């Protein structure tokens, strides 16, 4: 959000792979997103859970100090109410907390059979570990911030078996573009890429495509490039690792979140 304000003031075009809050683009004609917006993830999650009857009683655990987490939660709760989902527990934590006993025990004691986690993979892993320790095994449903949980050092990936999450990218996909990217990434960094890497990669090539469409040349000022890219981004259709994307004047991307389930230490289709 803060970087977007500076980019707007300087008239420098901005395309972000990870800043998903609607506040990032609000009121700024030159700020665009490659990642899903927070409301889109909350709405998609609630609709998917309702459409597939995944849970009868739902608990929600939110990082209240993170706009990403609260933005997804708010949209999720609104859609859950519209869809008739029963929310039996709503708890919060702050960035840096490492004890999730209160939140998990409340979810368990409320009878929740599904726990929605609009949070990042670090605290999500601790929540799942604690739940396992007390013999609580609901369905955990996360969002794109959950991506990376399988790569946490010393985390027992078997505990993530059956976890569901929204994500624009799966390193295990047989798609030719993904296979090539994953092989190159593994060769360079010695690990599998997660969705942050894929969205960032797509940002580079979306900018290339938009720059070519706009006729950007090296003698143009940043402000001139900015104006040309604003127009070009609304005209191109870009296909990359994370799907096919288009943009309108809002700066939000149109691609839809995908749902994956973790099976045998990899992402699979549900």
Protein backbone atom coordinates (compact mmCIF):
# COMPACT_ATOMS: atom_id res chain seq x y z
CA UNK A 1 0.00 0.00 0.00
CA UNK A 2 2.79 2.40 0.94
CA UNK A 3 4.82 1.64 -2.21
CA UNK A 4 1.72 2.16 -4.34
CA UNK A 5 1.29 5.66 -2.92
CA UNK A 6 4.87 6.54 -3.84
CA UNK A 7 4.57 5.03 -7.32
CA UNK A 8 1.42 7.06 -7.91
CA UNK A 9 3.08 10.27 -6.75
CA UNK A 10 6.12 9.64 -8.96
CA UNK A 11 4.05 8.47 -11.96
CA UNK A 12 6.01 5.21 -12.11
CA UNK A 13 4.06 2.19 -13.35
CA UNK A 14 3.68 -0.58 -10.76
CA UNK A 15 2.73 -4.24 -11.22
CA UNK A 16 2.79 -6.30 -8.02
CA UNK A 17 3.00 -10.10 -7.69
CA UNK A 18 1.99 -10.19 -4.02
CA UNK A 19 0.21 -7.06 -2.76
CA UNK A 20 -3.38 -8.24 -2.89
CA UNK A 21 -5.26 -5.67 -0.82
CA UNK A 22 -7.80 -3.55 -2.69
CA UNK A 23 -6.17 -0.56 -0.96
CA UNK A 24 -3.07 -1.11 -3.10
CA UNK A 25 -4.84 -0.08 -6.30
CA UNK A 26 -7.63 2.13 -4.93
CA UNK A 27 -7.47 5.64 -6.35
CA UNK A 28 -4.30 4.91 -8.33
CA UNK A 29 -4.59 4.57 -12.10
CA UNK A 30 -1.01 3.28 -12.52
CA UNK A 31 -0.97 0.40 -9.98
CA UNK A 32 -1.84 -3.11 -11.19
CA UNK A 33 -1.93 -6.55 -9.58
CA UNK A 34 -0.85 -9.95 -10.87
CA UNK A 35 -2.08 -11.64 -7.68
CA UNK A 36 -5.71 -12.24 -6.69
CA UNK A 37 -7.39 -9.54 -4.65
CA UNK A 38 -8.18 -10.37 -1.03
CA UNK A 39 -11.98 -10.18 -1.50
CA UNK A 40 -11.80 -12.55 -4.48
CA UNK A 41 -10.11 -15.16 -2.31
CA UNK A 42 -12.63 -14.82 0.51
CA UNK A 43 -15.60 -15.00 -1.83
CA UNK A 44 -14.21 -17.95 -3.81
CA UNK A 45 -13.38 -19.86 -0.63
CA UNK A 46 -16.84 -19.47 0.87
CA UNK A 47 -18.57 -20.39 -2.38
CA UNK A 48 -16.36 -23.44 -2.89
CA UNK A 49 -16.96 -24.67 0.66
CA UNK A 50 -20.71 -24.19 0.25
CA UNK A 51 -20.90 -25.69 -3.24
CA UNK A 52 -19.02 -28.82 -2.17
CA UNK A 53 -20.52 -29.17 1.32
CA UNK A 54 -17.07 -29.28 2.87
CA UNK A 55 -18.07 -28.20 6.36
CA UNK A 56 -21.20 -27.94 8.50
CA UNK A 57 -19.60 -25.88 11.28
CA UNK A 58 -16.79 -23.50 10.40
CA UNK A 59 -14.10 -21.80 12.48
CA UNK A 60 -12.07 -18.84 11.22
CA UNK A 61 -8.61 -17.90 12.55
CA UNK A 62 -7.31 -14.51 11.42
CA UNK A 63 -4.07 -12.54 11.73
CA UNK A 64 -5.69 -9.31 12.89
CA UNK A 65 -2.47 -7.30 12.36
CA UNK A 66 -2.35 -8.18 8.63
CA UNK A 67 -4.65 -6.37 6.14
CA UNK A 68 -4.26 -9.36 3.80
CA UNK A 69 -5.75 -11.68 6.39
CA UNK A 70 -8.53 -9.39 7.56
CA UNK A 71 -9.47 -8.46 3.99
CA UNK A 72 -9.95 -12.10 3.02
CA UNK A 73 -11.78 -12.86 6.28
CA UNK A 74 -14.27 -10.02 5.85
CA UNK A 75 -15.22 -11.10 2.33
CA UNK A 76 -15.37 -14.73 3.43
CA UNK A 77 -17.74 -13.97 6.31
CA UNK A 78 -20.03 -11.85 4.13
CA UNK A 79 -20.28 -14.59 1.50
CA UNK A 80 -20.60 -17.33 4.13
CA UNK A 81 -23.63 -15.54 5.55
CA UNK A 82 -25.16 -15.23 2.08
CA UNK A 83 -24.58 -18.93 1.44
CA UNK A 84 -25.93 -20.05 4.81
CA UNK A 85 -22.66 -21.40 6.19
CA UNK A 86 -22.57 -21.72 9.98
CA UNK A 87 -19.64 -19.89 11.55
CA UNK A 88 -19.20 -21.30 15.07
CA UNK A 89 -15.86 -19.71 16.02
CA UNK A 90 -14.00 -16.53 15.08
CA UNK A 91 -10.61 -15.98 16.72
CA UNK A 92 -7.61 -13.77 16.03
CA UNK A 93 -3.87 -13.53 16.63
CA UNK A 94 -1.16 -10.95 16.05
CA UNK A 95 1.92 -11.08 13.87
CA UNK A 96 4.70 -12.90 15.68
CA UNK A 97 2.46 -14.97 17.95
CA UNK A 98 3.63 -18.55 18.37
CA UNK A 99 0.99 -19.96 20.73
CA UNK A 100 -2.26 -20.90 19.02
CA UNK A 101 -3.72 -23.05 21.77
CA UNK A 102 -6.59 -20.66 22.53
CA UNK A 103 -7.67 -20.38 18.90
CA UNK A 104 -7.43 -24.09 18.11
CA UNK A 105 -9.12 -25.20 21.32
CA UNK A 106 -11.98 -22.80 20.74
CA UNK A 107 -12.43 -24.19 17.22
CA UNK A 108 -12.40 -27.73 18.58
CA UNK A 109 -14.75 -26.99 21.48
CA UNK A 110 -17.20 -25.21 19.16
CA UNK A 111 -17.49 -28.40 17.10
CA UNK A 112 -15.96 -26.94 13.94
CA UNK A 113 -15.32 -29.58 11.29
CA UNK A 114 -13.66 -27.05 8.96
CA UNK A 115 -11.14 -24.36 9.92
CA UNK A 116 -10.67 -21.51 7.46
CA UNK A 117 -7.18 -20.00 7.59
CA UNK A 118 -6.85 -16.69 5.68
CA UNK A 119 -3.19 -16.48 6.75
CA UNK A 120 0.36 -17.25 5.66
CA UNK A 121 2.02 -20.65 5.84
CA UNK A 122 4.15 -19.99 8.94
CA UNK A 123 1.37 -19.60 11.50
CA UNK A 124 -0.79 -22.06 9.53
CA UNK A 125 1.83 -24.76 10.08
CA UNK A 126 1.86 -24.08 13.83
CA UNK A 127 -1.93 -24.23 13.99
CA UNK A 128 -1.97 -27.56 12.16
CA UNK A 129 0.78 -28.94 14.37
CA UNK A 130 -1.01 -27.94 17.57
CA UNK A 131 -4.31 -29.38 16.33
CA UNK A 132 -2.59 -32.67 15.62
CA UNK A 133 -1.13 -32.67 19.11
CA UNK A 134 -4.54 -32.46 20.75
CA UNK A 135 -6.16 -34.98 18.42
CA UNK A 136 -8.18 -32.42 16.48
CA UNK A 137 -8.47 -33.16 12.77
CA UNK A 138 -10.85 -30.81 10.96
CA UNK A 139 -10.52 -29.95 7.29
CA UNK A 140 -8.14 -27.00 7.03
CA UNK A 141 -8.89 -24.65 4.14
CA UNK A 142 -6.39 -21.92 3.30
CA UNK A 143 -5.63 -19.29 0.70
CA UNK A 144 -2.61 -18.42 -1.43
CA UNK A 145 -0.59 -17.36 1.61
CA UNK A 146 -0.66 -21.03 2.63
CA UNK A 147 1.53 -21.85 -0.37
CA UNK A 148 4.98 -22.67 0.99
CA UNK A 149 3.85 -24.82 3.92
CA UNK A 150 5.43 -27.93 2.38
CA UNK A 151 8.84 -26.27 2.26
CA UNK A 152 9.04 -25.20 5.92
CA UNK A 153 12.15 -26.77 7.51
CA UNK A 154 11.34 -29.46 10.08
CA UNK A 155 7.60 -29.31 9.35
CA UNK A 156 6.14 -32.80 9.06
CA UNK A 157 4.44 -32.58 5.67
CA UNK A 158 2.27 -35.58 6.49
CA UNK A 159 0.34 -33.25 8.84
CA UNK A 160 -0.72 -31.23 5.78
CA UNK A 161 -2.31 -34.25 4.10
CA UNK A 162 -5.80 -33.27 2.99
CA UNK A 163 -5.31 -29.54 3.53
CA UNK A 164 -7.07 -27.50 0.85
CA UNK A 165 -6.00 -24.10 -0.41
CA UNK A 166 -6.50 -21.54 -3.12
CA UNK A 167 -3.43 -21.04 -5.26
CA UNK A 168 -2.70 -19.80 -8.80
CA UNK A 169 0.21 -22.18 -9.27
CA UNK A 170 1.21 -25.77 -8.49
CA UNK A 171 4.80 -26.90 -9.05
CA UNK A 172 3.52 -30.44 -9.59
CA UNK A 173 1.40 -29.47 -12.61
CA UNK A 174 2.19 -31.40 -15.83
CA UNK A 175 1.65 -28.24 -17.87
CA UNK A 176 4.62 -27.79 -20.24
CA UNK A 177 5.26 -24.19 -19.21
CA UNK A 178 5.22 -25.13 -15.53
CA UNK A 179 7.49 -28.14 -15.98
CA UNK A 180 10.08 -26.01 -17.76
CA UNK A 181 9.91 -23.25 -15.16
CA UNK A 182 10.14 -25.64 -12.20
CA UNK A 183 13.17 -27.43 -13.69
CA UNK A 184 15.00 -24.14 -14.26
CA UNK A 185 14.08 -22.87 -10.79
CA UNK A 186 15.23 -26.08 -9.11
CA UNK A 187 18.51 -25.96 -11.01
CA UNK A 188 19.20 -22.40 -9.86
CA UNK A 189 17.82 -22.40 -6.31
CA UNK A 190 17.69 -26.05 -5.28
CA UNK A 191 14.02 -26.01 -4.30
CA UNK A 192 10.54 -25.96 -5.80
CA UNK A 193 9.06 -22.55 -6.64
CA UNK A 194 5.87 -21.45 -4.89
CA UNK A 195 3.18 -19.10 -6.17
CA UNK A 196 5.11 -15.97 -5.19
CA UNK A 197 7.88 -16.99 -7.59
CA UNK A 198 5.39 -17.82 -10.34
CA UNK A 199 3.47 -14.55 -9.97
CA UNK A 200 6.73 -12.57 -9.99
CA UNK A 201 7.87 -14.42 -13.12
CA UNK A 202 4.56 -13.64 -14.78
CA UNK A 203 4.88 -9.97 -13.83
CA UNK A 204 8.11 -9.70 -15.81
CA UNK A 205 6.66 -11.18 -18.97
CA UNK A 206 3.36 -9.31 -18.68
CA UNK A 207 5.40 -6.11 -18.54
CA UNK A 208 7.36 -7.23 -21.59
CA UNK A 209 4.16 -7.88 -23.51
CA UNK A 210 2.59 -4.57 -22.42
CA UNK A 211 5.79 -2.66 -23.19
CA UNK A 212 5.95 -4.12 -26.68
CA UNK A 213 2.26 -3.36 -27.26
CA UNK A 214 2.78 0.21 -26.03
CA UNK A 215 5.87 0.81 -28.14
CA UNK A 216 8.05 1.62 -25.13
CA UNK A 217 11.57 2.74 -26.06
CA UNK A 218 14.63 3.39 -23.90
CA UNK A 219 14.56 7.16 -24.45
CA UNK A 220 11.13 7.59 -22.82
CA UNK A 221 10.81 8.99 -19.33
CA UNK A 222 9.32 6.90 -16.51
CA UNK A 223 6.22 9.08 -16.55
CA UNK A 224 5.75 8.66 -20.31
CA UNK A 225 6.21 4.89 -19.99
CA UNK A 226 3.70 4.89 -17.17
CA UNK A 227 0.95 6.49 -19.25
CA UNK A 228 1.57 4.15 -22.16
CA UNK A 229 1.60 1.06 -19.93
CA UNK A 230 -1.67 2.04 -18.26
CA UNK A 231 -3.36 1.96 -21.66
CA UNK A 232 -1.57 -1.20 -22.84
CA UNK A 233 -2.37 -3.24 -19.72
CA UNK A 234 -6.08 -2.76 -20.38
CA UNK A 235 -5.72 -4.11 -23.91
CA UNK A 236 -3.48 -7.17 -23.56
CA UNK A 237 -4.40 -10.74 -22.65
CA UNK A 238 -1.48 -12.41 -20.96
CA UNK A 239 -1.06 -16.17 -20.48
CA UNK A 240 1.58 -17.25 -17.99
CA UNK A 241 2.34 -19.73 -15.24
CA UNK A 242 -0.58 -18.56 -13.12
CA UNK A 243 -3.24 -18.58 -15.81
CA UNK A 244 -4.67 -16.18 -18.37
CA UNK A 245 -4.98 -12.62 -17.16
CA UNK A 246 -6.62 -9.43 -18.30
CA UNK A 247 -6.95 -6.10 -16.52
CA UNK A 248 -9.32 -3.15 -16.52
CA UNK A 249 -8.91 0.39 -15.21
CA UNK A 250 -9.20 -0.81 -11.60
CA UNK A 251 -5.82 -2.54 -11.84
CA UNK A 252 -7.20 -5.82 -10.50
CA UNK A 253 -6.49 -9.03 -12.41
CA UNK A 254 -9.37 -11.11 -13.78
CA UNK A 255 -7.87 -14.58 -13.34
CA UNK A 256 -9.73 -16.81 -10.91
CA UNK A 257 -8.30 -18.63 -7.87
CA UNK A 258 -7.84 -22.39 -8.23
CA UNK A 259 -8.46 -24.92 -5.46
CA UNK A 260 -5.90 -27.61 -4.66
CA UNK A 261 -5.68 -30.36 -2.06
CA UNK A 262 -2.38 -31.59 -0.61
CA UNK A 263 -1.87 -35.29 -1.24
CA UNK A 264 1.37 -37.18 -0.62
CA UNK A 265 3.34 -33.98 -0.19
CA UNK A 266 2.18 -32.34 -3.43
CA UNK A 267 -0.72 -30.27 -4.78
CA UNK A 268 -3.44 -32.22 -6.55
CA UNK A 269 -6.80 -31.50 -8.08
CA UNK A 270 -9.58 -31.96 -5.49
